[in-house]
Amino acid sequence: MAEKSEASRSTDELIAKIVRSRGRLQRDLSGLQYELDFSAKLRRSYLHYTTHWLSGAAAVGVLMALLPLREKKIDISAQRNGKTKNKLAESGFALGALNVGASLIRPAIAEFVKNRLSRTARGVRTTGHQ
């Protein structure tokens, strides 16, 4: 019979290389997918080391429960250059005076706004009829 020509042999070799390369690529991608599937790894780890996971979770829970018991003590000096107490008292007095002043002036402001609105309303009525 006729022998295969040199060109068809190299084409067959190239096709075989491509098939092998695709197979390797598929295996590598499957391995990568397996390695990156963290949820499945966690599930397998939990099933295999259940006691370790539960004792670790209990230890973290105990630490979180005990952590708030330790209170930080912050020492705030009442005197900083001798002026902090005075400034605090002054600002408190100013806020109190502002509150009293606002409550005293509120009726006057309400009366002013009422008069202004009634004048405006009368002006609109008279101009609207002319």
N, C-alpha and C. Protein backbone atom coordinates (compact mmCIF):
# COMPACT_ATOMS: atom_id res chain seq x y z
N MET A 1 0.82 -1.17 0.00
CA MET A 1 0.00 0.00 0.00
C MET A 1 0.87 1.23 0.00
N ALA A 2 0.18 2.32 -0.13
CA ALA A 2 0.89 3.59 -0.20
C ALA A 2 1.24 4.04 1.21
N GLU A 3 2.43 4.58 1.34
CA GLU A 3 2.87 5.09 2.63
C GLU A 3 2.33 6.49 2.84
N LYS A 4 2.16 6.85 4.15
CA LYS A 4 1.68 8.19 4.45
C LYS A 4 2.76 9.19 4.09
N SER A 5 2.32 10.28 3.59
CA SER A 5 3.30 11.29 3.22
C SER A 5 3.79 12.00 4.47
N GLU A 6 4.89 12.70 4.32
CA GLU A 6 5.51 13.43 5.43
C GLU A 6 4.57 14.51 5.97
N ALA A 7 3.80 15.20 5.12
CA ALA A 7 2.91 16.29 5.53
C ALA A 7 1.75 15.77 6.37
N SER A 8 1.18 14.61 6.00
CA SER A 8 0.05 14.08 6.75
C SER A 8 0.52 13.54 8.10
N ARG A 9 1.75 13.02 8.16
CA ARG A 9 2.28 12.54 9.43
C ARG A 9 2.48 13.71 10.40
N SER A 10 3.00 14.84 9.95
CA SER A 10 3.21 15.98 10.83
C SER A 10 1.85 16.58 11.27
N THR A 11 0.86 16.53 10.41
CA THR A 11 -0.48 17.01 10.77
C THR A 11 -1.07 16.12 11.85
N ASP A 12 -0.91 14.80 11.70
CA ASP A 12 -1.41 13.87 12.71
C ASP A 12 -0.70 14.08 14.05
N GLU A 13 0.60 14.35 13.99
CA GLU A 13 1.35 14.60 15.22
C GLU A 13 0.88 15.90 15.89
N LEU A 14 0.61 16.93 15.09
CA LEU A 14 0.12 18.19 15.64
C LEU A 14 -1.25 18.01 16.30
N ILE A 15 -2.11 17.26 15.63
CA ILE A 15 -3.45 17.01 16.20
C ILE A 15 -3.32 16.23 17.51
N ALA A 16 -2.43 15.25 17.57
CA ALA A 16 -2.22 14.47 18.79
C ALA A 16 -1.68 15.37 19.91
N LYS A 17 -0.76 16.28 19.58
CA LYS A 17 -0.22 17.21 20.57
C LYS A 17 -1.32 18.12 21.11
N ILE A 18 -2.18 18.59 20.20
CA ILE A 18 -3.28 19.46 20.62
C ILE A 18 -4.22 18.71 21.56
N VAL A 19 -4.53 17.46 21.24
CA VAL A 19 -5.42 16.66 22.08
C VAL A 19 -4.79 16.45 23.46
N ARG A 20 -3.48 16.13 23.50
CA ARG A 20 -2.80 15.94 24.79
C ARG A 20 -2.77 17.25 25.59
N SER A 21 -2.53 18.35 24.89
CA SER A 21 -2.49 19.66 25.54
C SER A 21 -3.85 20.01 26.14
N ARG A 22 -4.90 19.74 25.40
CA ARG A 22 -6.25 20.01 25.91
C ARG A 22 -6.55 19.16 27.13
N GLY A 23 -6.13 17.91 27.10
CA GLY A 23 -6.33 17.02 28.25
C GLY A 23 -5.60 17.53 29.48
N ARG A 24 -4.33 17.95 29.30
CA ARG A 24 -3.56 18.50 30.42
C ARG A 24 -4.22 19.76 30.96
N LEU A 25 -4.66 20.63 30.05
CA LEU A 25 -5.31 21.87 30.46
C LEU A 25 -6.58 21.57 31.25
N GLN A 26 -7.35 20.60 30.81
CA GLN A 26 -8.58 20.23 31.51
C GLN A 26 -8.26 19.69 32.90
N ARG A 27 -7.22 18.86 33.02
CA ARG A 27 -6.83 18.33 34.34
C ARG A 27 -6.36 19.47 35.26
N ASP A 28 -5.56 20.38 34.70
CA ASP A 28 -5.06 21.50 35.51
C ASP A 28 -6.21 22.39 35.99
N LEU A 29 -7.17 22.68 35.12
CA LEU A 29 -8.31 23.50 35.51
C LEU A 29 -9.17 22.80 36.56
N SER A 30 -9.32 21.48 36.41
CA SER A 30 -10.09 20.73 37.42
C SER A 30 -9.38 20.78 38.77
N GLY A 31 -8.06 20.62 38.75
CA GLY A 31 -7.29 20.70 39.99
C GLY A 31 -7.37 22.09 40.62
N LEU A 32 -7.30 23.12 39.79
CA LEU A 32 -7.40 24.49 40.30
C LEU A 32 -8.78 24.74 40.90
N GLN A 33 -9.81 24.26 40.24
CA GLN A 33 -11.16 24.42 40.75
C GLN A 33 -11.30 23.69 42.09
N TYR A 34 -10.71 22.52 42.21
CA TYR A 34 -10.76 21.76 43.46
C TYR A 34 -10.04 22.53 44.57
N GLU A 35 -8.89 23.09 44.25
CA GLU A 35 -8.11 23.82 45.25
C GLU A 35 -8.80 25.12 45.67
N LEU A 36 -9.52 25.76 44.79
CA LEU A 36 -10.16 27.04 45.11
C LEU A 36 -11.56 26.91 45.67
N ASP A 37 -12.07 25.71 45.80
CA ASP A 37 -13.40 25.50 46.36
C ASP A 37 -13.29 25.48 47.89
N PHE A 38 -13.25 26.69 48.49
CA PHE A 38 -13.01 26.81 49.92
C PHE A 38 -14.19 26.32 50.75
N SER A 39 -15.39 26.48 50.26
CA SER A 39 -16.54 26.01 51.04
C SER A 39 -16.52 24.49 51.18
N ALA A 40 -16.16 23.81 50.10
CA ALA A 40 -16.08 22.34 50.19
C ALA A 40 -14.92 21.93 51.10
N LYS A 41 -13.81 22.65 51.03
CA LYS A 41 -12.69 22.34 51.91
C LYS A 41 -13.08 22.53 53.37
N LEU A 42 -13.81 23.60 53.66
CA LEU A 42 -14.25 23.86 55.02
C LEU A 42 -15.19 22.76 55.50
N ARG A 43 -16.10 22.34 54.64
CA ARG A 43 -17.03 21.27 55.00
C ARG A 43 -16.28 19.97 55.31
N ARG A 44 -15.34 19.64 54.44
CA ARG A 44 -14.56 18.41 54.66
C ARG A 44 -13.75 18.52 55.95
N SER A 45 -13.18 19.68 56.19
CA SER A 45 -12.39 19.87 57.41
C SER A 45 -13.27 19.75 58.64
N TYR A 46 -14.47 20.34 58.59
CA TYR A 46 -15.38 20.25 59.72
C TYR A 46 -15.80 18.79 59.96
N LEU A 47 -16.08 18.07 58.89
CA LEU A 47 -16.49 16.67 59.06
C LEU A 47 -15.34 15.82 59.61
N HIS A 48 -14.13 16.13 59.22
CA HIS A 48 -12.98 15.33 59.65
C HIS A 48 -12.51 15.73 61.05
N TYR A 49 -12.54 17.02 61.37
CA TYR A 49 -12.05 17.52 62.65
C TYR A 49 -13.16 18.24 63.43
N THR A 50 -14.28 17.58 63.63
CA THR A 50 -15.44 18.20 64.27
C THR A 50 -15.11 18.68 65.68
N THR A 51 -14.43 17.85 66.46
CA THR A 51 -14.14 18.23 67.85
C THR A 51 -13.22 19.45 67.91
N HIS A 52 -12.26 19.51 66.99
CA HIS A 52 -11.38 20.68 66.97
C HIS A 52 -12.15 21.96 66.66
N TRP A 53 -13.05 21.87 65.68
CA TRP A 53 -13.83 23.04 65.30
C TRP A 53 -14.73 23.50 66.44
N LEU A 54 -15.39 22.54 67.10
CA LEU A 54 -16.30 22.90 68.20
C LEU A 54 -15.55 23.46 69.39
N SER A 55 -14.40 22.88 69.72
CA SER A 55 -13.64 23.42 70.86
C SER A 55 -13.06 24.80 70.52
N GLY A 56 -12.66 25.01 69.28
CA GLY A 56 -12.19 26.33 68.86
C GLY A 56 -13.29 27.37 68.93
N ALA A 57 -14.48 27.00 68.50
CA ALA A 57 -15.62 27.92 68.56
C ALA A 57 -15.97 28.25 70.00
N ALA A 58 -15.91 27.26 70.87
CA ALA A 58 -16.19 27.51 72.29
C ALA A 58 -15.14 28.43 72.90
N ALA A 59 -13.88 28.24 72.52
CA ALA A 59 -12.81 29.10 73.05
C ALA A 59 -13.00 30.55 72.58
N VAL A 60 -13.35 30.73 71.33
CA VAL A 60 -13.59 32.09 70.82
C VAL A 60 -14.79 32.71 71.52
N GLY A 61 -15.83 31.94 71.78
CA GLY A 61 -17.00 32.44 72.48
C GLY A 61 -16.67 32.87 73.91
N VAL A 62 -15.84 32.07 74.59
CA VAL A 62 -15.44 32.42 75.95
C VAL A 62 -14.62 33.70 75.94
N LEU A 63 -13.69 33.82 74.99
CA LEU A 63 -12.88 35.03 74.90
C LEU A 63 -13.73 36.27 74.63
N MET A 64 -14.71 36.13 73.75
CA MET A 64 -15.57 37.27 73.44
C MET A 64 -16.45 37.63 74.63
N ALA A 65 -16.84 36.65 75.42
CA ALA A 65 -17.66 36.92 76.59
C ALA A 65 -16.85 37.59 77.70
N LEU A 66 -15.59 37.23 77.84
CA LEU A 66 -14.75 37.78 78.89
C LEU A 66 -14.11 39.11 78.51
N LEU A 67 -14.02 39.39 77.25
CA LEU A 67 -13.37 40.61 76.79
C LEU A 67 -14.03 41.88 77.32
N PRO A 68 -15.36 42.01 77.31
CA PRO A 68 -15.97 43.23 77.83
C PRO A 68 -15.80 43.40 79.35
N LEU A 69 -15.47 42.35 80.09
CA LEU A 69 -15.29 42.46 81.52
C LEU A 69 -14.09 43.33 81.87
N ARG A 70 -13.14 43.38 81.01
CA ARG A 70 -11.94 44.17 81.24
C ARG A 70 -12.24 45.59 80.78
N GLU A 71 -12.39 46.49 81.73
CA GLU A 71 -12.74 47.86 81.41
C GLU A 71 -11.48 48.71 81.35
N LYS A 72 -11.46 49.60 80.41
CA LYS A 72 -10.35 50.53 80.32
C LYS A 72 -10.66 51.71 81.22
N LYS A 73 -9.66 52.12 81.97
CA LYS A 73 -9.83 53.27 82.83
C LYS A 73 -9.14 54.45 82.17
N ILE A 74 -9.92 55.46 81.92
CA ILE A 74 -9.39 56.66 81.29
C ILE A 74 -9.39 57.77 82.32
N ASP A 75 -8.23 58.33 82.56
CA ASP A 75 -8.10 59.40 83.53
C ASP A 75 -8.11 60.72 82.79
N ILE A 76 -9.19 61.45 82.98
CA ILE A 76 -9.32 62.75 82.35
C ILE A 76 -9.02 63.80 83.41
N SER A 77 -8.00 64.52 83.19
CA SER A 77 -7.61 65.54 84.14
C SER A 77 -8.62 66.69 84.08
N ALA A 78 -9.13 67.08 85.25
CA ALA A 78 -10.12 68.15 85.30
C ALA A 78 -9.48 69.51 85.07
N GLN A 79 -8.20 69.60 85.31
CA GLN A 79 -7.54 70.88 85.12
C GLN A 79 -6.45 70.75 84.08
N ARG A 80 -6.62 71.50 83.06
CA ARG A 80 -5.61 71.61 82.04
C ARG A 80 -5.27 73.08 81.93
N ASN A 81 -4.17 73.45 82.46
CA ASN A 81 -3.75 74.84 82.54
C ASN A 81 -4.71 75.65 83.40
N GLY A 82 -5.47 75.02 84.26
CA GLY A 82 -6.35 75.73 85.17
C GLY A 82 -7.57 76.35 84.52
N LYS A 83 -7.80 76.11 83.25
CA LYS A 83 -8.89 76.79 82.54
C LYS A 83 -10.03 75.87 82.13
N THR A 84 -9.85 74.57 82.21
CA THR A 84 -10.86 73.64 81.73
C THR A 84 -12.15 73.74 82.53
N LYS A 85 -12.04 73.79 83.84
CA LYS A 85 -13.26 73.88 84.67
C LYS A 85 -13.99 75.18 84.39
N ASN A 86 -13.25 76.26 84.26
CA ASN A 86 -13.89 77.55 84.01
C ASN A 86 -14.59 77.57 82.66
N LYS A 87 -13.96 77.00 81.64
CA LYS A 87 -14.58 76.99 80.31
C LYS A 87 -15.84 76.14 80.31
N LEU A 88 -15.80 75.03 81.02
CA LEU A 88 -16.97 74.17 81.11
C LEU A 88 -18.12 74.91 81.80
N ALA A 89 -17.83 75.59 82.87
CA ALA A 89 -18.86 76.34 83.59
C ALA A 89 -19.39 77.48 82.72
N GLU A 90 -18.49 78.17 82.01
CA GLU A 90 -18.91 79.27 81.15
C GLU A 90 -19.82 78.79 80.02
N SER A 91 -19.45 77.67 79.40
CA SER A 91 -20.27 77.16 78.29
C SER A 91 -21.62 76.67 78.81
N GLY A 92 -21.65 76.06 79.99
CA GLY A 92 -22.91 75.64 80.58
C GLY A 92 -23.80 76.83 80.89
N PHE A 93 -23.21 77.88 81.44
CA PHE A 93 -23.97 79.09 81.74
C PHE A 93 -24.50 79.73 80.46
N ALA A 94 -23.67 79.77 79.41
CA ALA A 94 -24.09 80.37 78.14
C ALA A 94 -25.25 79.58 77.53
N LEU A 95 -25.18 78.26 77.57
CA LEU A 95 -26.27 77.45 77.02
C LEU A 95 -27.56 77.64 77.82
N GLY A 96 -27.45 77.73 79.14
CA GLY A 96 -28.63 77.97 79.96
C GLY A 96 -29.25 79.33 79.66
N ALA A 97 -28.41 80.35 79.54
CA ALA A 97 -28.91 81.70 79.23
C ALA A 97 -29.56 81.72 77.84
N LEU A 98 -28.96 81.02 76.89
CA LEU A 98 -29.53 80.96 75.54
C LEU A 98 -30.90 80.28 75.56
N ASN A 99 -31.03 79.23 76.35
CA ASN A 99 -32.31 78.52 76.46
C ASN A 99 -33.38 79.43 77.06
N VAL A 100 -33.03 80.14 78.13
CA VAL A 100 -33.99 81.06 78.77
C VAL A 100 -34.35 82.18 77.80
N GLY A 101 -33.35 82.76 77.15
CA GLY A 101 -33.60 83.85 76.20
C GLY A 101 -34.50 83.41 75.06
N ALA A 102 -34.27 82.19 74.54
CA ALA A 102 -35.09 81.69 73.43
C ALA A 102 -36.53 81.49 73.87
N SER A 103 -36.72 80.98 75.09
CA SER A 103 -38.10 80.78 75.55
C SER A 103 -38.81 82.12 75.82
N LEU A 104 -38.05 83.16 76.20
CA LEU A 104 -38.66 84.48 76.42
C LEU A 104 -39.00 85.18 75.12
N ILE A 105 -38.17 85.02 74.11
CA ILE A 105 -38.36 85.75 72.86
C ILE A 105 -39.28 85.00 71.88
N ARG A 106 -39.55 83.74 72.13
CA ARG A 106 -40.38 82.94 71.22
C ARG A 106 -41.77 83.55 70.99
N PRO A 107 -42.50 84.01 72.01
CA PRO A 107 -43.82 84.62 71.76
C PRO A 107 -43.74 85.89 70.90
N ALA A 108 -42.70 86.67 71.10
CA ALA A 108 -42.55 87.88 70.30
C ALA A 108 -42.32 87.53 68.83
N ILE A 109 -41.51 86.53 68.59
CA ILE A 109 -41.25 86.11 67.20
C ILE A 109 -42.53 85.57 66.57
N ALA A 110 -43.29 84.78 67.32
CA ALA A 110 -44.54 84.22 66.80
C ALA A 110 -45.52 85.34 66.46
N GLU A 111 -45.62 86.35 67.32
CA GLU A 111 -46.52 87.48 67.05
C GLU A 111 -46.08 88.25 65.80
N PHE A 112 -44.77 88.47 65.66
CA PHE A 112 -44.24 89.17 64.50
C PHE A 112 -44.57 88.42 63.20
N VAL A 113 -44.35 87.12 63.21
CA VAL A 113 -44.63 86.30 62.01
C VAL A 113 -46.12 86.32 61.71
N LYS A 114 -46.96 86.24 62.75
CA LYS A 114 -48.41 86.25 62.54
C LYS A 114 -48.86 87.57 61.91
N ASN A 115 -48.37 88.70 62.45
CA ASN A 115 -48.71 90.01 61.89
C ASN A 115 -48.23 90.13 60.45
N ARG A 116 -47.03 89.68 60.19
CA ARG A 116 -46.46 89.79 58.84
C ARG A 116 -47.29 88.98 57.85
N LEU A 117 -47.68 87.78 58.25
CA LEU A 117 -48.48 86.93 57.36
C LEU A 117 -49.87 87.50 57.15
N SER A 118 -50.47 88.07 58.20
CA SER A 118 -51.82 88.62 58.03
C SER A 118 -51.77 89.85 57.12
N ARG A 119 -50.72 90.69 57.25
CA ARG A 119 -50.60 91.84 56.34
C ARG A 119 -50.41 91.37 54.90
N THR A 120 -49.62 90.36 54.72
CA THR A 120 -49.38 89.85 53.37
C THR A 120 -50.67 89.26 52.80
N ALA A 121 -51.42 88.55 53.62
CA ALA A 121 -52.67 87.96 53.16
C ALA A 121 -53.68 89.05 52.81
N ARG A 122 -53.76 90.12 53.62
CA ARG A 122 -54.67 91.23 53.30
C ARG A 122 -54.25 91.92 52.02
N GLY A 123 -52.96 92.08 51.82
CA GLY A 123 -52.45 92.72 50.61
C GLY A 123 -52.77 91.91 49.38
N VAL A 124 -52.72 90.62 49.47
CA VAL A 124 -53.03 89.75 48.33
C VAL A 124 -54.50 89.82 48.01
N ARG A 125 -55.34 89.87 49.07
CA ARG A 125 -56.78 89.92 48.83
C ARG A 125 -57.16 91.23 48.15
N THR A 126 -56.61 92.34 48.63
CA THR A 126 -57.00 93.64 48.04
C THR A 126 -56.46 93.79 46.63
N THR A 127 -55.27 93.31 46.37
CA THR A 127 -54.74 93.42 45.01
C THR A 127 -55.42 92.43 44.10
N GLY A 128 -55.93 91.34 44.61
CA GLY A 128 -56.57 90.34 43.77
C GLY A 128 -57.93 90.78 43.29
N HIS A 129 -58.63 91.67 44.05
CA HIS A 129 -59.96 92.13 43.66
C HIS A 129 -59.94 93.32 42.74
N GLN A 130 -58.84 94.00 42.63
CA GLN A 130 -58.81 95.23 41.82
C GLN A 130 -58.72 94.97 40.38
